[in-house]
Amino acid sequence: MIRLDHVSKTFPGATAPAIGDLSLEFLRGEIVTLVGPSGCGKTTTLKLINRLIEPTSGWIEVDGKDALETEPYILRLGIGYVIQQVGLFPHRTVRQNIATVPGLLGWERPRINQRVDELVELVGLDPAMADRYPAELSGGQQQRVGVARALAADPPVLLMDEPFGAVDPIVRNRLQDELLSLQERLRKTVVLVTHDIDEAIKLGDKMALLNVGGVLEQFGKPEEILREPASDFVNRFIGGERGLKRLALITLAEIALDPGPIVNLQANETETRSVMDKHGTDWVGVVDNGNLLGWVWASDLGKNEPLETRVQWFKVKLSPTNTLREALDEIITSRTQVAVVCEGDRYLGMTTLEQIRAAVAR
């Protein structure tokens, strides 16, 4: 979708280039995160793609067309752009802000209104907010409006420059999750600039680590970069806890789950203790017709009461879409020291600390 071929940019009066010789390809439907220290050319690269600034040399292609031979305003009509401070027009309502590009394209009013209503719902805003002004919204709500405005004309490319940097960590995490959810449905080509390595890892299908002067140190899938940093710079920039960061990229669906110490609700005490002895536990999980009911302690057996009356609920039941990092958190905080995995109530298996260690070692 986007190709940069030996692109450079030296600003007037500068002694060194902002970008020296950068070549990158962004595939259709992928999120690519650009990350690196201040002065590495992240934002400059973004502005080169939509020609807010012009390259000193090199070639840029967007959606099969030579971007440098395309009128800038035409190029930008096919590119959504989201910036950190949102950039909403303060004198225009949410509806009017979102309608900006469709209006420039000459869409008829009923079509614009329908599109605005769709996007307000898509980004999770209350429809009543459509007639409010930006100053009446929270930072997170304004950021959602900025994303909606960028998507208004359904552009194939979305450029995002530190889109969540101005909001608090809780809202930022929620907006990141919403972006991933939107991407599952829309499959845009997204180039996202961030200074936060954890955000780059979480959001990117691929990640480009840039050094000062626009030097590309490594480009690839986050999991590959975490597993094999290409240079000392990459290793230092990624920082510590590489193993934990990798856990956030692997889901429970990607590993073989252990059936674990499980008995049917109708099991007698002898059968139940046999399962505990086999697995070396002092507890056992209980299922009924494939549905997980909970677990019981060995000390609760033999009390002449039905097994189901002594079942304790698992406080957390993970799904196959949860990550190994989330599973690790459950393992180290649960009394049973395992993470159980279900689809609804249907029991799929459990994972242990040893399984997680093996997954990271692969």
Protein backbone atom coordinates (compact mmCIF):
# COMPACT_ATOMS: atom_id res chain seq x y z
CA MET A 1 0.00 0.00 0.00
CA ILE A 2 2.85 2.41 0.85
CA ARG A 3 6.45 2.24 -0.30
CA LEU A 4 9.35 4.54 0.61
CA ASP A 5 12.38 4.03 -1.62
CA HIS A 6 15.67 5.63 -0.53
CA VAL A 7 13.85 8.66 0.89
CA SER A 8 15.83 11.45 2.53
CA LYS A 9 14.93 14.78 4.09
CA THR A 10 17.28 17.57 5.09
CA PHE A 11 15.66 20.73 6.40
CA PRO A 12 17.07 24.11 5.33
CA GLY A 13 19.93 25.21 7.58
CA ALA A 14 20.29 21.77 9.17
CA THR A 15 23.77 20.27 9.44
CA ALA A 16 22.49 16.69 9.32
CA PRO A 17 19.54 15.04 7.60
CA ALA A 18 16.36 14.35 9.56
CA ILE A 19 16.11 11.21 7.43
CA GLY A 20 19.18 9.93 5.64
CA ASP A 21 18.26 7.01 3.39
CA LEU A 22 15.04 5.28 4.38
CA SER A 23 13.36 2.42 2.53
CA LEU A 24 10.20 0.81 3.95
CA GLU A 25 7.13 -1.05 2.71
CA PHE A 26 3.75 -1.02 4.46
CA LEU A 27 1.45 -3.85 3.38
CA ARG A 28 -2.26 -3.39 2.79
CA GLY A 29 -4.40 -3.91 5.89
CA GLU A 30 -1.53 -3.89 8.40
CA ILE A 31 -0.78 -1.66 11.38
CA VAL A 32 2.87 -0.62 11.33
CA THR A 33 4.24 1.26 14.32
CA LEU A 34 7.17 3.66 14.00
CA VAL A 35 9.10 3.91 17.26
CA GLY A 36 12.38 5.42 18.33
CA PRO A 37 14.02 8.25 20.30
CA SER A 38 13.43 11.96 19.71
CA GLY A 39 15.03 13.08 16.46
CA CYS A 40 14.74 9.71 14.73
CA GLY A 41 12.36 11.02 12.06
CA LYS A 42 9.12 9.26 13.06
CA THR A 43 6.81 12.24 12.53
CA THR A 44 8.85 13.42 9.55
CA THR A 45 8.26 10.04 7.88
CA LEU A 46 4.52 10.37 8.48
CA LYS A 47 4.43 13.87 7.00
CA LEU A 48 6.41 12.73 3.97
CA ILE A 49 3.76 10.11 3.20
CA ASN A 50 0.95 12.67 2.96
CA ARG A 51 3.28 15.41 1.65
CA LEU A 52 2.89 17.84 4.49
CA ILE A 53 6.60 18.12 3.85
CA GLU A 54 8.47 17.24 0.66
CA PRO A 55 11.40 14.80 0.51
CA THR A 56 14.87 15.99 -0.45
CA SER A 57 15.34 12.85 -2.52
CA GLY A 58 13.81 9.43 -3.08
CA TRP A 59 10.46 8.06 -4.19
CA ILE A 60 7.17 7.49 -2.37
CA GLU A 61 4.28 5.35 -3.61
CA VAL A 62 0.80 5.26 -2.07
CA ASP A 63 -1.79 2.73 -3.28
CA GLY A 64 0.09 2.08 -6.50
CA LYS A 65 0.49 5.76 -7.43
CA ASP A 66 3.55 8.00 -7.36
CA ALA A 67 2.76 10.25 -4.40
CA LEU A 68 5.17 12.93 -5.62
CA GLU A 69 3.35 13.18 -8.94
CA THR A 70 -0.09 13.41 -7.32
CA GLU A 71 -1.64 16.73 -6.32
CA PRO A 72 -1.20 16.95 -2.53
CA TYR A 73 -4.86 17.70 -1.81
CA ILE A 74 -5.96 14.71 -3.89
CA LEU A 75 -3.42 12.48 -2.15
CA ARG A 76 -4.65 13.61 1.28
CA LEU A 77 -8.31 12.95 0.47
CA GLY A 78 -7.37 9.25 0.46
CA ILE A 79 -5.44 9.44 3.73
CA GLY A 80 -6.90 9.84 7.22
CA TYR A 81 -4.69 11.79 9.62
CA VAL A 82 -4.86 11.73 13.43
CA ILE A 83 -2.56 13.83 15.61
CA GLN A 84 -1.80 13.85 19.33
CA GLN A 85 -3.65 17.07 20.16
CA VAL A 86 -6.59 15.90 18.01
CA GLY A 87 -6.82 19.17 16.05
CA LEU A 88 -10.61 19.43 16.11
CA PHE A 89 -12.16 22.70 14.97
CA PRO A 90 -13.31 24.26 18.28
CA HIS A 91 -16.09 26.33 16.68
CA ARG A 92 -17.67 23.30 14.98
CA THR A 93 -19.74 20.56 16.57
CA VAL A 94 -18.70 16.91 16.66
CA ARG A 95 -21.01 16.25 13.70
CA GLN A 96 -19.53 19.12 11.71
CA ASN A 97 -15.97 18.05 12.53
CA ILE A 98 -16.56 14.47 11.37
CA ALA A 99 -18.30 15.73 8.22
CA THR A 100 -15.33 17.87 7.13
CA VAL A 101 -13.83 15.66 4.41
CA PRO A 102 -17.14 14.28 3.05
CA GLY A 103 -18.24 17.91 2.70
CA LEU A 104 -15.08 18.76 0.77
CA LEU A 105 -15.77 15.79 -1.49
CA GLY A 106 -19.23 17.13 -2.26
CA TRP A 107 -21.27 14.39 -0.62
CA GLU A 108 -24.98 15.12 -0.31
CA ARG A 109 -26.27 16.03 3.15
CA PRO A 110 -28.30 12.81 3.80
CA ARG A 111 -25.25 10.68 2.94
CA ILE A 112 -23.02 12.78 5.21
CA ASN A 113 -25.46 12.54 8.12
CA GLN A 114 -25.73 8.78 7.71
CA ARG A 115 -21.94 8.42 7.65
CA VAL A 116 -21.52 10.61 10.74
CA ASP A 117 -24.09 8.54 12.64
CA GLU A 118 -22.29 5.33 11.64
CA LEU A 119 -18.93 6.64 12.82
CA VAL A 120 -20.21 8.03 16.11
CA GLU A 121 -21.47 4.53 16.90
CA LEU A 122 -18.34 2.87 15.49
CA VAL A 123 -15.96 4.75 17.80
CA GLY A 124 -18.16 4.21 20.85
CA LEU A 125 -19.58 7.70 21.40
CA ASP A 126 -23.05 8.50 22.70
CA PRO A 127 -25.14 9.77 19.73
CA ALA A 128 -26.18 12.73 21.89
CA MET A 129 -22.58 13.97 21.73
CA ALA A 130 -22.83 14.64 17.99
CA ASP A 131 -24.21 18.12 18.61
CA ARG A 132 -21.69 19.08 21.30
CA TYR A 133 -18.54 21.14 20.80
CA PRO A 134 -15.02 19.73 21.42
CA ALA A 135 -14.60 21.74 24.64
CA GLU A 136 -17.58 19.86 26.09
CA LEU A 137 -15.87 16.48 25.67
CA SER A 138 -13.18 14.68 27.66
CA GLY A 139 -9.73 14.08 26.17
CA GLY A 140 -10.58 10.48 25.35
CA GLN A 141 -13.86 11.48 23.71
CA GLN A 142 -12.09 14.12 21.63
CA GLN A 143 -9.58 11.50 20.50
CA ARG A 144 -12.44 9.26 19.37
CA VAL A 145 -13.87 12.16 17.35
CA GLY A 146 -10.45 12.65 15.77
CA VAL A 147 -10.37 9.01 14.68
CA ALA A 148 -13.95 9.24 13.37
CA ARG A 149 -13.09 12.35 11.35
CA ALA A 150 -10.05 10.59 9.85
CA LEU A 151 -12.25 7.64 8.82
CA ALA A 152 -15.13 9.74 7.49
CA ALA A 153 -14.44 9.34 3.77
CA ASP A 154 -13.38 5.68 4.26
CA PRO A 155 -9.73 6.25 3.26
CA PRO A 156 -7.57 3.17 2.67
CA VAL A 157 -4.68 4.69 4.65
CA LEU A 158 -4.70 6.04 8.21
CA LEU A 159 -1.72 7.98 9.59
CA MET A 160 -1.63 8.41 13.37
CA ASP A 161 0.92 10.62 15.12
CA GLU A 162 1.09 9.88 18.87
CA PRO A 163 -2.72 9.54 18.83
CA PHE A 164 -3.09 8.51 22.48
CA GLY A 165 -0.17 10.36 24.03
CA ALA A 166 -2.25 13.16 25.57
CA VAL A 167 -4.62 10.99 27.63
CA ASP A 168 -4.12 9.18 30.93
CA PRO A 169 -2.89 5.54 30.99
CA ILE A 170 -6.31 4.00 31.67
CA VAL A 171 -8.00 5.86 28.79
CA ARG A 172 -4.98 5.20 26.56
CA ASN A 173 -5.23 1.45 27.12
CA ARG A 174 -8.96 1.55 26.33
CA LEU A 175 -8.39 3.55 23.14
CA GLN A 176 -5.66 1.13 22.05
CA ASP A 177 -8.09 -1.77 22.48
CA GLU A 178 -10.75 0.11 20.51
CA LEU A 179 -8.30 0.77 17.68
CA LEU A 180 -7.50 -2.94 17.47
CA SER A 181 -11.21 -3.75 17.49
CA LEU A 182 -11.85 -1.23 14.71
CA GLN A 183 -8.98 -2.65 12.70
CA GLU A 184 -10.45 -6.15 12.86
CA ARG A 185 -13.53 -4.79 11.08
CA LEU A 186 -12.05 -2.14 8.77
CA ARG A 187 -8.61 -3.54 7.82
CA LYS A 188 -7.06 -0.17 7.02
CA THR A 189 -3.38 0.35 6.33
CA VAL A 190 -2.30 2.18 9.50
CA VAL A 191 1.04 3.87 10.14
CA LEU A 192 1.24 4.87 13.80
CA VAL A 193 3.99 6.93 15.42
CA THR A 194 4.68 6.36 19.11
CA HIS A 195 7.50 6.87 21.60
CA ASP A 196 6.10 4.07 23.79
CA ILE A 197 7.68 0.69 23.04
CA ASP A 198 4.85 -1.16 24.82
CA GLU A 199 2.27 0.62 22.66
CA ALA A 200 4.28 -0.17 19.54
CA ILE A 201 4.41 -3.85 20.49
CA LYS A 202 0.73 -4.06 21.39
CA LEU A 203 -0.65 -2.33 18.30
CA GLY A 204 1.76 -3.21 15.52
CA ASP A 205 1.48 -6.10 13.11
CA LYS A 206 4.98 -4.91 12.30
CA MET A 207 7.28 -2.49 14.04
CA ALA A 208 9.99 -0.21 12.64
CA LEU A 209 12.67 0.94 15.09
CA LEU A 210 14.36 4.13 13.93
CA ASN A 211 17.57 5.69 15.22
CA VAL A 212 18.51 9.38 15.10
CA GLY A 213 18.67 10.59 11.50
CA GLY A 214 15.96 8.20 10.30
CA VAL A 215 18.26 5.17 10.36
CA LEU A 216 16.20 1.98 10.22
CA GLU A 217 17.67 -0.32 12.87
CA GLN A 218 15.14 -3.17 12.56
CA PHE A 219 11.80 -3.85 10.86
CA GLY A 220 9.60 -6.87 11.46
CA LYS A 221 6.96 -8.46 13.63
CA PRO A 222 7.19 -7.38 17.27
CA GLU A 223 7.59 -10.97 18.45
CA GLU A 224 10.56 -11.47 16.10
CA ILE A 225 12.23 -8.24 17.23
CA LEU A 226 11.76 -9.13 20.89
CA ARG A 227 13.17 -12.60 20.30
CA GLU A 228 16.20 -11.49 18.25
CA PRO A 229 17.14 -7.79 18.50
CA ALA A 230 19.27 -6.87 15.50
CA SER A 231 21.62 -4.49 17.32
CA ASP A 232 22.67 -3.15 20.70
CA PHE A 233 20.54 -0.07 20.00
CA VAL A 234 17.42 -2.20 19.52
CA ASN A 235 18.19 -4.24 22.61
CA ARG A 236 18.63 -1.09 24.72
CA PHE A 237 15.55 0.61 23.32
CA ILE A 238 13.33 -2.42 23.93
CA GLY A 239 14.54 -2.39 27.51
CA GLY A 240 14.13 -5.05 30.15
CA GLU A 241 11.43 -7.69 30.53
CA ARG A 242 11.69 -8.86 26.92
CA GLY A 243 10.22 -12.19 27.96
CA LEU A 244 7.19 -10.54 29.58
CA LYS A 245 6.69 -8.32 26.55
CA ARG A 246 6.67 -11.42 24.34
CA LEU A 247 4.03 -13.00 26.57
CA ALA A 248 1.69 -10.15 25.64
CA LEU A 249 1.94 -11.21 21.96
CA ILE A 250 1.10 -14.90 22.39
CA THR A 251 -2.51 -15.95 22.98
CA LEU A 252 -3.74 -19.04 24.77
CA ALA A 253 -5.12 -20.26 21.44
CA GLU A 254 -1.52 -20.67 20.24
CA ILE A 255 -0.43 -23.18 22.88
CA ALA A 256 -1.52 -26.71 23.80
CA LEU A 257 -3.64 -26.60 26.95
CA ASP A 258 -3.32 -29.21 29.67
CA PRO A 259 -6.54 -31.09 30.65
CA GLY A 260 -5.32 -30.75 34.26
CA PRO A 261 -6.81 -32.26 37.43
CA ILE A 262 -10.47 -32.43 36.42
CA VAL A 263 -13.31 -34.76 37.49
CA ASN A 264 -16.96 -35.02 36.54
CA LEU A 265 -19.56 -33.87 39.01
CA GLN A 266 -20.64 -37.50 39.52
CA ALA A 267 -17.13 -38.70 40.52
CA ASN A 268 -16.82 -40.43 43.89
CA GLU A 269 -14.20 -39.64 46.52
CA THR A 270 -11.85 -42.44 45.44
CA GLU A 271 -11.83 -41.27 41.81
CA THR A 272 -11.37 -37.67 42.88
CA ARG A 273 -8.39 -38.39 45.15
CA SER A 274 -6.83 -40.52 42.44
CA VAL A 275 -6.88 -37.55 40.05
CA MET A 276 -5.31 -35.31 42.70
CA ASP A 277 -2.56 -37.88 43.37
CA LYS A 278 -1.83 -38.19 39.65
CA HIS A 279 -1.37 -34.42 39.24
CA GLY A 280 0.23 -33.78 42.64
CA THR A 281 -2.40 -31.24 43.71
CA ASP A 282 -4.50 -30.74 46.82
CA TRP A 283 -7.48 -29.57 44.75
CA VAL A 284 -9.45 -30.74 41.74
CA GLY A 285 -11.56 -29.00 39.11
CA VAL A 286 -15.18 -30.05 38.62
CA VAL A 287 -17.05 -30.19 35.30
CA ASP A 288 -20.61 -31.10 34.44
CA ASN A 289 -21.38 -32.03 30.82
CA GLY A 290 -18.23 -30.23 29.71
CA ASN A 291 -19.01 -27.02 31.62
CA LEU A 292 -16.61 -25.89 34.32
CA LEU A 293 -18.30 -25.50 37.70
CA GLY A 294 -15.25 -24.66 39.83
CA TRP A 295 -12.88 -26.55 42.11
CA VAL A 296 -12.77 -28.26 45.54
CA TRP A 297 -10.02 -28.75 48.14
CA ALA A 298 -8.92 -32.26 49.12
CA SER A 299 -9.81 -31.36 52.71
CA ASP A 300 -13.45 -30.85 51.67
CA LEU A 301 -13.86 -34.43 50.46
CA GLY A 302 -15.49 -37.14 52.56
CA LYS A 303 -17.94 -34.90 54.38
CA ASN A 304 -21.02 -36.84 53.28
CA GLU A 305 -22.17 -33.87 51.21
CA PRO A 306 -22.74 -33.73 47.44
CA LEU A 307 -19.61 -32.59 45.58
CA GLU A 308 -21.43 -29.68 44.02
CA THR A 309 -22.14 -28.10 47.43
CA ARG A 310 -18.39 -27.71 48.07
CA VAL A 311 -17.41 -26.28 44.69
CA GLN A 312 -15.65 -22.90 44.77
CA TRP A 313 -15.82 -20.66 41.73
CA PHE A 314 -12.73 -19.79 39.74
CA LYS A 315 -12.67 -16.03 40.12
CA VAL A 316 -11.15 -15.65 36.66
CA LYS A 317 -11.82 -17.77 33.60
CA LEU A 318 -9.72 -16.85 30.58
CA SER A 319 -10.63 -17.33 26.93
CA PRO A 320 -8.43 -18.45 24.00
CA THR A 321 -8.00 -14.78 23.01
CA ASN A 322 -6.35 -13.86 26.30
CA THR A 323 -2.56 -13.54 26.26
CA LEU A 324 0.02 -15.57 28.13
CA ARG A 325 0.87 -12.44 30.10
CA GLU A 326 -2.72 -12.35 31.39
CA ALA A 327 -2.50 -16.07 32.12
CA LEU A 328 0.73 -15.55 34.06
CA ASP A 329 -0.94 -12.88 36.19
CA GLU A 330 -3.76 -15.30 37.02
CA ILE A 331 -1.33 -18.13 37.85
CA ILE A 332 0.70 -16.12 40.34
CA THR A 333 -2.36 -14.63 42.06
CA SER A 334 -4.69 -17.65 42.18
CA ARG A 335 -4.88 -20.19 44.99
CA THR A 336 -4.75 -23.06 42.50
CA GLN A 337 -1.67 -21.68 40.67
CA VAL A 338 -3.17 -22.39 37.24
CA ALA A 339 -5.10 -20.39 34.66
CA VAL A 340 -8.27 -22.08 33.43
CA VAL A 341 -9.44 -21.50 29.86
CA CYS A 342 -13.07 -21.65 28.75
CA GLU A 343 -15.36 -20.61 25.94
CA GLY A 344 -18.29 -19.35 27.94
CA ASP A 345 -18.64 -22.05 30.58
CA ARG A 346 -17.30 -24.84 28.32
CA TYR A 347 -13.99 -26.05 29.73
CA LEU A 348 -11.06 -26.12 27.27
CA GLY A 349 -8.14 -26.81 29.61
CA MET A 350 -5.66 -24.99 31.79
CA THR A 351 -2.13 -23.68 31.58
CA THR A 352 0.68 -23.67 34.10
CA LEU A 353 3.83 -21.68 34.75
CA GLU A 354 5.92 -24.42 33.11
CA GLN A 355 3.85 -24.28 29.90
CA ILE A 356 4.28 -20.52 29.72
CA ARG A 357 8.03 -20.83 30.26
CA ALA A 358 8.20 -23.40 27.43
CA ALA A 359 6.21 -21.13 25.10
CA VAL A 360 8.67 -18.27 25.62
CA ALA A 361 11.66 -20.59 25.15
CA ARG A 362 10.49 -21.70 21.70
